[in-house]
């Protein structure tokens, strides 16, 4: 694909309706663009684990006008503990130390954040659910998009905000294996009954090369369960099949103690079961022609970093701001976006590599040493210094992407393109009251 003209972009197709996509759509609409979001799932996906909102992402959420809503949906965790095989508490830590949070940092369920962003944009942004991009054909004036539904439409720009396994990235840049780097571990998440009676509390159990966490956050009657385990990328299971994923988890943890047998039973029945590799996405560039990648599609830092959501929110702000500043000239905006984001992304990816190793400690004596530290830390006179060192590293990563004040939304982009009736869309799409701007 190639691009030879630099005309101002007006219409933008965004693939992915998780966090990055709706956040970008919010900003683009404010700047006068006409965004459309396409999502493979038949409806908004509201499951998932708790996610951190830290550092720069806090300011981005404030500027988006959603910070107060995020506060009302805070997980409000009180703290956490480690337990042994018999369920005996080894040590407890308060939430600020356990989560490494400082000042305004907060935490919210991924599904709650997705709902907030969707509700803020659904009246102004066209959403197409139960569909995805099948083909992209770029020319000098735009991109012709063929959808799986058979619909064909034209857009000025296309943004892939469709995660680690990005379909947009595959279509434009090549197969996933070229860009994904496995960190030597897998993660599984699912919902189950809160049989431990946890109240805004998380309980951890460490096993050599494995880690389990069960927690229940504010307002939740069920519990979320997280399993992390070391494994090579080429495990002998079909990881495109949920039944095979569940079998991998059961086989890996077979014979382990504590609550593992009961939790594996819940995993087998879970309808929101998730399992995937802990991987990074590393690319030489995030754009090609009129197509650009955002969030995990461009630079996944894995769940180990705790920064995927923050980078997605910040990236959406920067990308939209640079497009507005450049007057819709993608050749300028895409380069500036990547230049501003890349150093912070690389810092967070490096941090993720270290955290994966911390999550999958390889020997019993190393686990015992860590448990000794957890047990004695609250009683030591230097506990605040240790906690500060932990928080400082996380805080640095959370603020690794500095943001600028872009032009006021009402003045960022003057409307010059003609307005037309929206082109046909699948029946499953949702459309706000605005007209679609033609490419």
Protein backbone atom coordinates (compact mmCIF):
# COMPACT_ATOMS: atom_id res chain seq x y z
CA UNK A 1 0.00 0.00 0.00
CA UNK A 2 1.18 3.53 -0.65
CA UNK A 3 0.16 7.12 -0.16
CA UNK A 4 1.19 9.97 -2.43
CA UNK A 5 -1.00 12.87 -1.27
CA UNK A 6 -1.26 14.59 2.08
CA UNK A 7 -4.87 15.75 2.08
CA UNK A 8 -6.48 16.34 5.46
CA UNK A 9 -8.12 13.26 6.92
CA UNK A 10 -11.75 13.45 8.03
CA UNK A 11 -13.10 9.92 8.38
CA UNK A 12 -11.31 7.39 10.58
CA UNK A 13 -12.10 3.70 10.97
CA UNK A 14 -10.96 2.27 14.31
CA UNK A 15 -10.76 -1.50 14.71
CA UNK A 16 -11.38 -2.54 18.33
CA UNK A 17 -13.90 -1.38 20.96
CA UNK A 18 -12.01 -2.22 24.14
CA UNK A 19 -10.17 0.74 25.71
CA UNK A 20 -7.86 2.31 23.13
CA UNK A 21 -10.48 2.41 20.36
CA UNK A 22 -13.30 4.24 22.19
CA UNK A 23 -10.78 6.56 23.87
CA UNK A 24 -9.40 7.55 20.48
CA UNK A 25 -12.92 7.94 19.10
CA UNK A 26 -13.79 10.32 21.94
CA UNK A 27 -10.85 12.59 21.17
CA UNK A 28 -11.25 12.43 17.40
CA UNK A 29 -14.90 13.46 17.64
CA UNK A 30 -13.98 16.41 19.84
CA UNK A 31 -11.42 17.52 17.26
CA UNK A 32 -13.95 17.42 14.44
CA UNK A 33 -13.13 14.05 12.84
CA UNK A 34 -15.76 11.43 12.04
CA UNK A 35 -14.72 8.17 13.74
CA UNK A 36 -16.29 4.75 13.20
CA UNK A 37 -15.46 1.84 15.52
CA UNK A 38 -15.75 -1.75 14.32
CA UNK A 39 -15.73 -4.59 16.84
CA UNK A 40 -15.64 -8.32 16.15
CA UNK A 41 -17.65 -9.20 19.28
CA UNK A 42 -21.45 -9.05 18.95
CA UNK A 43 -21.68 -6.58 21.83
CA UNK A 44 -19.48 -4.59 24.18
CA UNK A 45 -17.16 -6.90 26.10
CA UNK A 46 -17.34 -6.01 29.79
CA UNK A 47 -15.29 -8.81 31.38
CA UNK A 48 -11.66 -8.84 32.32
CA UNK A 49 -9.35 -8.15 35.22
CA UNK A 50 -8.71 -5.01 37.25
CA UNK A 51 -6.52 -2.41 35.54
CA UNK A 52 -4.42 0.43 36.91
CA UNK A 53 -4.94 4.09 36.07
CA UNK A 54 -1.69 5.79 37.04
CA UNK A 55 0.48 8.78 36.34
CA UNK A 56 -0.08 10.37 32.95
CA UNK A 57 -3.22 8.31 32.36
CA UNK A 58 -4.86 10.03 35.33
CA UNK A 59 -4.40 13.41 33.67
CA UNK A 60 -5.64 12.04 30.34
CA UNK A 61 -8.80 10.73 32.03
CA UNK A 62 -9.29 14.09 33.71
CA UNK A 63 -9.08 15.85 30.34
CA UNK A 64 -11.48 13.30 28.86
CA UNK A 65 -13.96 14.14 31.62
CA UNK A 66 -14.26 10.54 32.87
CA UNK A 67 -12.07 10.64 35.99
CA UNK A 68 -14.97 11.15 38.39
CA UNK A 69 -16.79 8.15 36.91
CA UNK A 70 -13.65 6.07 37.27
CA UNK A 71 -13.46 7.07 40.94
CA UNK A 72 -17.01 5.85 41.53
CA UNK A 73 -16.09 2.47 40.03
CA UNK A 74 -12.81 2.09 41.91
CA UNK A 75 -12.00 -1.42 43.10
CA UNK A 76 -11.29 0.14 46.53
CA UNK A 77 -8.98 -2.72 47.51
CA UNK A 78 -7.98 -2.76 51.19
CA UNK A 79 -4.90 -4.94 50.86
CA UNK A 80 -3.61 -8.41 50.16
CA UNK A 81 -2.02 -11.46 51.70
CA UNK A 82 0.07 -14.49 50.84
CA UNK A 83 -0.99 -17.94 52.01
CA UNK A 84 0.71 -21.34 52.16
CA UNK A 85 -0.55 -24.72 50.94
CA UNK A 86 -2.73 -25.07 54.04
CA UNK A 87 -4.28 -21.64 53.56
CA UNK A 88 -2.45 -20.12 56.52
CA UNK A 89 -1.64 -16.43 56.14
CA UNK A 90 2.08 -15.84 55.75
CA UNK A 91 1.97 -12.07 55.57
CA UNK A 92 -0.31 -9.13 54.80
CA UNK A 93 0.31 -5.76 53.20
CA UNK A 94 -1.95 -2.70 52.79
CA UNK A 95 -3.25 -1.80 49.35
CA UNK A 96 -0.92 1.13 48.75
CA UNK A 97 2.14 -1.09 49.15
CA UNK A 98 0.60 -4.13 47.47
CA UNK A 99 -0.44 -2.14 44.42
CA UNK A 100 2.43 0.33 44.41
CA UNK A 101 -0.04 3.21 44.05
CA UNK A 102 0.69 6.83 44.90
CA UNK A 103 -1.28 10.07 45.07
CA UNK A 104 -4.17 9.97 42.59
CA UNK A 105 -3.49 6.49 41.18
CA UNK A 106 -6.59 4.33 41.02
CA UNK A 107 -7.78 0.92 39.88
CA UNK A 108 -10.91 -0.12 38.02
CA UNK A 109 -12.28 -3.25 36.41
CA UNK A 110 -11.49 -3.33 32.70
CA UNK A 111 -15.13 -3.93 31.86
CA UNK A 112 -16.25 -0.90 33.89
CA UNK A 113 -13.77 1.33 32.08
CA UNK A 114 -14.87 -0.02 28.70
CA UNK A 115 -18.49 0.75 29.60
CA UNK A 116 -17.64 4.31 30.70
CA UNK A 117 -15.83 5.05 27.43
CA UNK A 118 -18.53 3.45 25.30
CA UNK A 119 -21.33 5.33 27.05
CA UNK A 120 -19.43 8.60 26.58
CA UNK A 121 -19.07 8.03 22.83
CA UNK A 122 -22.04 6.01 21.64
CA UNK A 123 -24.20 9.05 20.80
CA UNK A 124 -21.46 10.70 18.72
CA UNK A 125 -19.56 7.74 17.26
CA UNK A 126 -20.71 5.03 14.86
CA UNK A 127 -20.20 1.55 16.33
CA UNK A 128 -20.33 -1.58 14.18
CA UNK A 129 -20.53 -4.71 16.31
CA UNK A 130 -20.29 -8.31 15.13
CA UNK A 131 -18.06 -7.35 12.21
CA UNK A 132 -14.37 -6.89 11.40
CA UNK A 133 -12.01 -5.85 8.65
CA UNK A 134 -11.48 -8.45 5.93
CA UNK A 135 -9.33 -6.43 3.51
CA UNK A 136 -7.74 -3.01 3.11
CA UNK A 137 -6.94 -1.37 -0.21
CA UNK A 138 -5.16 1.97 0.03
CA UNK A 139 -4.77 4.49 -2.76
CA UNK A 140 -3.72 8.12 -2.97
CA UNK A 141 -6.99 9.44 -1.54
CA UNK A 142 -7.97 6.96 1.16
CA UNK A 143 -8.55 3.34 2.11
CA UNK A 144 -11.24 1.06 0.75
CA UNK A 145 -12.28 -1.29 3.55
CA UNK A 146 -14.04 -4.58 2.95
CA UNK A 147 -15.72 -5.95 6.06
CA UNK A 148 -16.40 -9.58 6.90
CA UNK A 149 -20.11 -8.77 6.54
CA UNK A 150 -19.51 -7.93 2.88
CA UNK A 151 -19.98 -4.18 3.32
CA UNK A 152 -17.45 -2.02 1.45
CA UNK A 153 -16.72 1.53 2.62
CA UNK A 154 -14.15 4.29 2.18
CA UNK A 155 -12.20 5.98 4.99
CA UNK A 156 -9.38 8.50 5.07
CA UNK A 157 -7.49 6.65 7.81
CA UNK A 158 -7.59 3.27 9.56
CA UNK A 159 -6.46 2.65 13.14
CA UNK A 160 -5.76 -0.82 14.49
CA UNK A 161 -6.65 -0.78 18.19
CA UNK A 162 -7.42 -4.49 18.22
CA UNK A 163 -4.98 -5.86 20.77
CA UNK A 164 -2.13 -8.33 20.97
CA UNK A 165 -3.55 -10.48 18.18
CA UNK A 166 -4.34 -7.50 15.95
CA UNK A 167 -6.09 -8.36 12.71
CA UNK A 168 -5.22 -4.90 11.34
CA UNK A 169 -1.53 -5.46 12.02
CA UNK A 170 -1.64 -8.81 10.25
CA UNK A 171 -3.32 -7.36 7.17
CA UNK A 172 -0.93 -4.43 6.82
CA UNK A 173 2.39 -5.47 8.38
CA UNK A 174 2.42 -9.27 8.23
CA UNK A 175 1.97 -12.26 10.47
CA UNK A 176 1.96 -11.87 14.25
CA UNK A 177 5.03 -14.06 14.78
CA UNK A 178 7.22 -11.35 13.25
CA UNK A 179 6.43 -8.92 16.06
CA UNK A 180 5.40 -10.91 19.14
CA UNK A 181 8.05 -11.90 21.70
CA UNK A 182 7.01 -14.49 24.25
CA UNK A 183 8.16 -13.72 27.81
CA UNK A 184 8.10 -17.34 28.93
CA UNK A 185 4.77 -17.34 30.77
CA UNK A 186 1.01 -17.56 30.32
CA UNK A 187 -1.83 -15.87 32.17
CA UNK A 188 -5.37 -17.09 32.75
CA UNK A 189 -8.28 -15.11 34.20
CA UNK A 190 -11.86 -16.12 34.98
CA UNK A 191 -14.76 -15.35 37.33
CA UNK A 192 -15.92 -17.79 40.00
CA UNK A 193 -17.95 -17.81 43.23
CA UNK A 194 -16.30 -15.96 46.11
CA UNK A 195 -16.04 -19.05 48.30
CA UNK A 196 -13.18 -17.49 50.31
CA UNK A 197 -15.45 -14.64 51.40
CA UNK A 198 -12.99 -11.95 50.28
CA UNK A 199 -14.00 -8.31 50.73
CA UNK A 200 -11.87 -5.88 48.69
CA UNK A 201 -8.98 -8.21 49.37
CA UNK A 202 -6.61 -10.24 47.21
CA UNK A 203 -5.03 -13.51 48.27
CA UNK A 204 -1.88 -14.86 46.61
CA UNK A 205 -0.36 -18.31 46.61
CA UNK A 206 3.08 -18.84 45.09
CA UNK A 207 4.34 -22.15 43.68
CA UNK A 208 7.65 -22.63 41.86
CA UNK A 209 7.16 -21.14 38.37
CA UNK A 210 3.50 -20.42 39.15
CA UNK A 211 1.40 -17.78 40.92
CA UNK A 212 -2.29 -17.67 41.82
CA UNK A 213 -4.40 -14.75 42.92
CA UNK A 214 -8.03 -14.64 44.05
CA UNK A 215 -9.70 -11.34 44.85
CA UNK A 216 -13.04 -9.61 45.15
CA UNK A 217 -13.33 -5.86 44.65
CA UNK A 218 -15.84 -3.24 45.72
CA UNK A 219 -19.40 -4.06 44.75
CA UNK A 220 -18.54 -7.55 43.48
CA UNK A 221 -20.22 -10.68 44.82
CA UNK A 222 -18.06 -13.05 42.76
CA UNK A 223 -14.28 -13.39 42.75
CA UNK A 224 -11.75 -12.97 39.99
CA UNK A 225 -9.10 -15.64 39.67
CA UNK A 226 -5.69 -15.24 38.08
CA UNK A 227 -3.25 -18.03 37.24
CA UNK A 228 0.25 -17.29 35.94
CA UNK A 229 2.67 -20.05 34.95
CA UNK A 230 5.95 -20.50 33.12
CA UNK A 231 5.74 -22.34 29.81
CA UNK A 232 7.34 -22.17 26.36
CA UNK A 233 5.40 -20.63 23.54
CA UNK A 234 5.06 -23.91 21.65
CA UNK A 235 2.91 -25.80 24.19
CA UNK A 236 1.23 -28.90 22.69
CA UNK A 237 -2.29 -27.47 22.91
CA UNK A 238 -4.55 -25.70 20.45
CA UNK A 239 -4.67 -22.28 22.06
CA UNK A 240 -7.39 -21.12 19.66
CA UNK A 241 -9.75 -23.56 21.37
CA UNK A 242 -11.12 -22.61 24.82
CA UNK A 243 -11.56 -26.27 25.76
CA UNK A 244 -7.88 -26.86 25.01
CA UNK A 245 -6.95 -23.74 26.97
CA UNK A 246 -8.80 -25.05 30.00
CA UNK A 247 -7.07 -28.41 29.60
CA UNK A 248 -3.67 -26.69 29.53
CA UNK A 249 -4.47 -24.89 32.78
CA UNK A 250 -5.76 -28.06 34.47
CA UNK A 251 -2.76 -30.13 33.37
CA UNK A 252 -0.29 -27.44 34.45
CA UNK A 253 -1.71 -27.11 37.97
CA UNK A 254 -2.70 -30.73 38.52
CA UNK A 255 -1.58 -31.91 41.95
CA UNK A 256 -0.98 -28.44 43.39
CA UNK A 257 -2.34 -27.59 46.82
CA UNK A 258 -4.25 -24.82 48.56
CA UNK A 259 -7.52 -24.05 46.71
CA UNK A 260 -6.21 -25.11 43.32
CA UNK A 261 -8.48 -28.16 42.77
CA UNK A 262 -11.61 -26.14 43.55
CA UNK A 263 -10.48 -23.23 41.41
CA UNK A 264 -9.75 -25.53 38.48
CA UNK A 265 -13.29 -26.84 38.82
CA UNK A 266 -14.59 -23.27 38.56
CA UNK A 267 -12.35 -22.68 35.55
CA UNK A 268 -13.89 -25.61 33.73
CA UNK A 269 -17.35 -24.04 34.12
CA UNK A 270 -16.37 -20.39 33.57
CA UNK A 271 -18.03 -18.67 30.61
CA UNK A 272 -15.55 -15.77 30.67
CA UNK A 273 -12.41 -17.92 30.69
CA UNK A 274 -9.33 -16.23 29.26
CA UNK A 275 -5.86 -17.63 28.64
CA UNK A 276 -3.04 -16.11 26.61
CA UNK A 277 0.70 -15.73 26.49
CA UNK A 278 2.55 -12.99 28.31
CA UNK A 279 4.15 -11.36 25.29
CA UNK A 280 5.52 -8.12 23.99
CA UNK A 281 4.82 -6.60 20.58
CA UNK A 282 7.95 -5.00 19.17
CA UNK A 283 7.81 -3.18 15.84
CA UNK A 284 10.21 -0.90 13.97
CA UNK A 285 7.31 1.40 13.10
CA UNK A 286 3.65 1.62 14.00
CA UNK A 287 2.25 3.07 10.79
CA UNK A 288 2.27 2.38 7.09
CA UNK A 289 0.62 4.79 4.72
CA UNK A 290 -2.83 5.67 6.03
CA UNK A 291 -2.92 2.86 8.61
CA UNK A 292 -1.60 3.24 12.16
CA UNK A 293 -1.59 0.95 15.21
CA UNK A 294 -2.56 1.94 18.75
CA UNK A 295 -2.21 0.33 22.18
CA UNK A 296 -1.39 -3.38 22.42
CA UNK A 297 -1.64 -3.76 18.64
CA UNK A 298 1.41 -1.51 18.30
CA UNK A 299 3.38 -2.17 21.48
CA UNK A 300 1.84 -4.68 23.87
CA UNK A 301 3.74 -4.56 27.17
CA UNK A 302 1.93 -7.66 28.52
CA UNK A 303 -0.27 -7.75 31.64
CA UNK A 304 2.92 -8.00 33.71
CA UNK A 305 3.64 -4.30 33.20
CA UNK A 306 0.32 -3.17 34.63
CA UNK A 307 0.58 -0.34 32.11
CA UNK A 308 -1.29 -1.59 29.06
CA UNK A 309 -4.40 0.44 29.86
CA UNK A 310 -2.43 3.54 30.74
CA UNK A 311 -0.45 3.38 27.51
CA UNK A 312 -3.65 2.83 25.53
CA UNK A 313 -5.33 5.90 27.05
CA UNK A 314 -2.23 8.05 26.66
CA UNK A 315 -1.61 6.85 23.12
CA UNK A 316 -5.17 7.69 22.12
CA UNK A 317 -4.75 11.21 23.49
CA UNK A 318 -1.44 11.74 21.70
CA UNK A 319 -2.53 10.26 18.37
CA UNK A 320 -5.72 12.33 18.23
CA UNK A 321 -3.90 15.45 19.37
CA UNK A 322 -1.20 15.10 16.75
CA UNK A 323 -3.77 14.52 14.01
CA UNK A 324 -5.58 17.69 15.09
CA UNK A 325 -2.34 19.67 15.32
CA UNK A 326 -1.34 18.53 11.84
CA UNK A 327 -4.72 19.50 10.41
CA UNK A 328 -5.44 15.89 9.53
CA UNK A 329 -2.14 15.30 7.71
CA UNK A 330 -1.38 11.72 8.73
CA UNK A 331 2.14 11.80 7.30
CA UNK A 332 3.08 14.35 9.96
CA UNK A 333 0.83 13.18 12.77
CA UNK A 334 1.75 9.49 12.71
CA UNK A 335 5.47 10.28 12.93
CA UNK A 336 4.99 12.71 15.82
CA UNK A 337 2.74 10.25 17.66
CA UNK A 338 5.33 7.51 17.48
CA UNK A 339 8.18 9.84 18.39
CA UNK A 340 6.39 10.94 21.56
CA UNK A 341 5.21 7.48 22.61
CA UNK A 342 8.09 5.13 21.82
CA UNK A 343 10.59 5.96 24.63
CA UNK A 344 7.93 5.49 27.31
CA UNK A 345 6.66 2.31 25.70
CA UNK A 346 10.15 0.81 25.69
CA UNK A 347 10.61 1.69 29.37
CA UNK A 348 7.38 -0.10 30.26
CA UNK A 349 8.22 -3.14 28.16
CA UNK A 350 11.55 -3.46 29.91
CA UNK A 351 9.79 -3.29 33.28
CA UNK A 352 7.37 -6.01 32.17
CA UNK A 353 10.22 -8.43 31.48
CA UNK A 354 11.41 -8.08 35.06
CA UNK A 355 7.92 -8.42 36.53
CA UNK A 356 7.23 -11.67 34.67
CA UNK A 357 10.28 -13.19 36.34
CA UNK A 358 9.05 -11.91 39.71
CA UNK A 359 5.65 -13.49 39.14
CA UNK A 360 7.07 -16.91 38.26
CA UNK A 361 9.85 -17.44 40.81
CA UNK A 362 11.55 -20.71 40.00
CA UNK A 363 12.42 -22.33 43.34
CA UNK A 364 10.95 -22.98 46.77
CA UNK A 365 13.81 -21.29 48.61
CA UNK A 366 13.35 -18.08 46.62
CA UNK A 367 9.64 -18.16 47.40
CA UNK A 368 10.43 -18.74 51.08
CA UNK A 369 12.75 -15.74 51.06
CA UNK A 370 10.08 -13.57 49.52
CA UNK A 371 7.50 -14.73 52.04
CA UNK A 372 9.92 -13.84 54.83
CA UNK A 373 10.17 -10.33 53.41
CA UNK A 374 6.37 -10.04 53.15
CA UNK A 375 5.96 -11.21 56.74
CA UNK A 376 8.61 -8.92 58.23
CA UNK A 377 8.24 -5.80 56.07
CA UNK A 378 5.36 -4.22 58.08
CA UNK A 379 7.45 -4.55 61.24
CA UNK A 380 10.74 -3.18 59.94
CA UNK A 381 11.81 0.45 60.55
CA UNK A 382 12.81 0.83 56.89
CA UNK A 383 9.49 -0.37 55.47
CA UNK A 384 8.66 3.08 54.10
CA UNK A 385 11.97 3.25 52.22
CA UNK A 386 11.41 -0.16 50.65
CA UNK A 387 7.84 0.71 49.73
CA UNK A 388 9.01 4.02 48.23
CA UNK A 389 11.60 2.28 46.08
CA UNK A 390 8.94 -0.05 44.70
CA UNK A 391 6.53 2.80 44.06
CA UNK A 392 9.17 5.04 42.48
CA UNK A 393 9.92 2.49 39.77
CA UNK A 394 6.25 2.04 38.93
CA UNK A 395 5.63 5.77 39.07
CA UNK A 396 8.47 6.46 36.67
CA UNK A 397 7.03 4.03 34.15
CA UNK A 398 3.52 5.44 34.57
CA UNK A 399 4.81 8.93 33.75
CA UNK A 400 7.21 7.86 31.01
CA UNK A 401 5.14 9.46 28.24
CA UNK A 402 4.87 13.22 28.76
CA UNK A 403 1.77 14.82 27.27
CA UNK A 404 1.24 18.22 25.74
CA UNK A 405 -1.64 20.64 25.66
CA UNK A 406 -3.09 20.33 22.19
CA UNK A 407 -5.28 22.91 20.50
CA UNK A 408 -8.74 23.52 21.88
CA UNK A 409 -11.04 20.90 20.33
CA UNK A 410 -13.37 23.47 18.79
CA UNK A 411 -10.47 25.14 16.98
CA UNK A 412 -8.37 22.12 16.14
CA UNK A 413 -9.91 21.20 12.81
CA UNK A 414 -12.33 23.25 10.75
CA UNK A 415 -14.91 21.26 8.83
CA UNK A 416 -14.35 21.54 5.10
CA UNK A 417 -15.51 18.17 3.82
CA UNK A 418 -19.05 17.74 2.46
CA UNK A 419 -21.65 16.06 4.62
CA UNK A 420 -23.52 13.09 3.21
CA UNK A 421 -25.97 10.46 4.28
CA UNK A 422 -24.23 7.50 5.98
CA UNK A 423 -23.38 4.58 3.74
CA UNK A 424 -24.92 1.20 4.43
CA UNK A 425 -23.78 -0.68 7.51
CA UNK A 426 -24.59 -4.10 8.94
CA UNK A 427 -27.82 -4.37 10.92
CA UNK A 428 -25.80 -5.09 14.06
CA UNK A 429 -24.15 -1.66 13.96
CA UNK A 430 -25.11 1.18 16.28
CA UNK A 431 -25.09 4.71 14.98
CA UNK A 432 -25.22 7.98 16.84
CA UNK A 433 -27.41 10.85 15.57
CA UNK A 434 -24.62 12.55 13.60
CA UNK A 435 -24.23 12.11 9.81
CA UNK A 436 -21.18 10.36 8.43
CA UNK A 437 -18.68 12.55 6.63
CA UNK A 438 -17.70 11.22 3.25
CA UNK A 439 -14.07 10.47 2.50
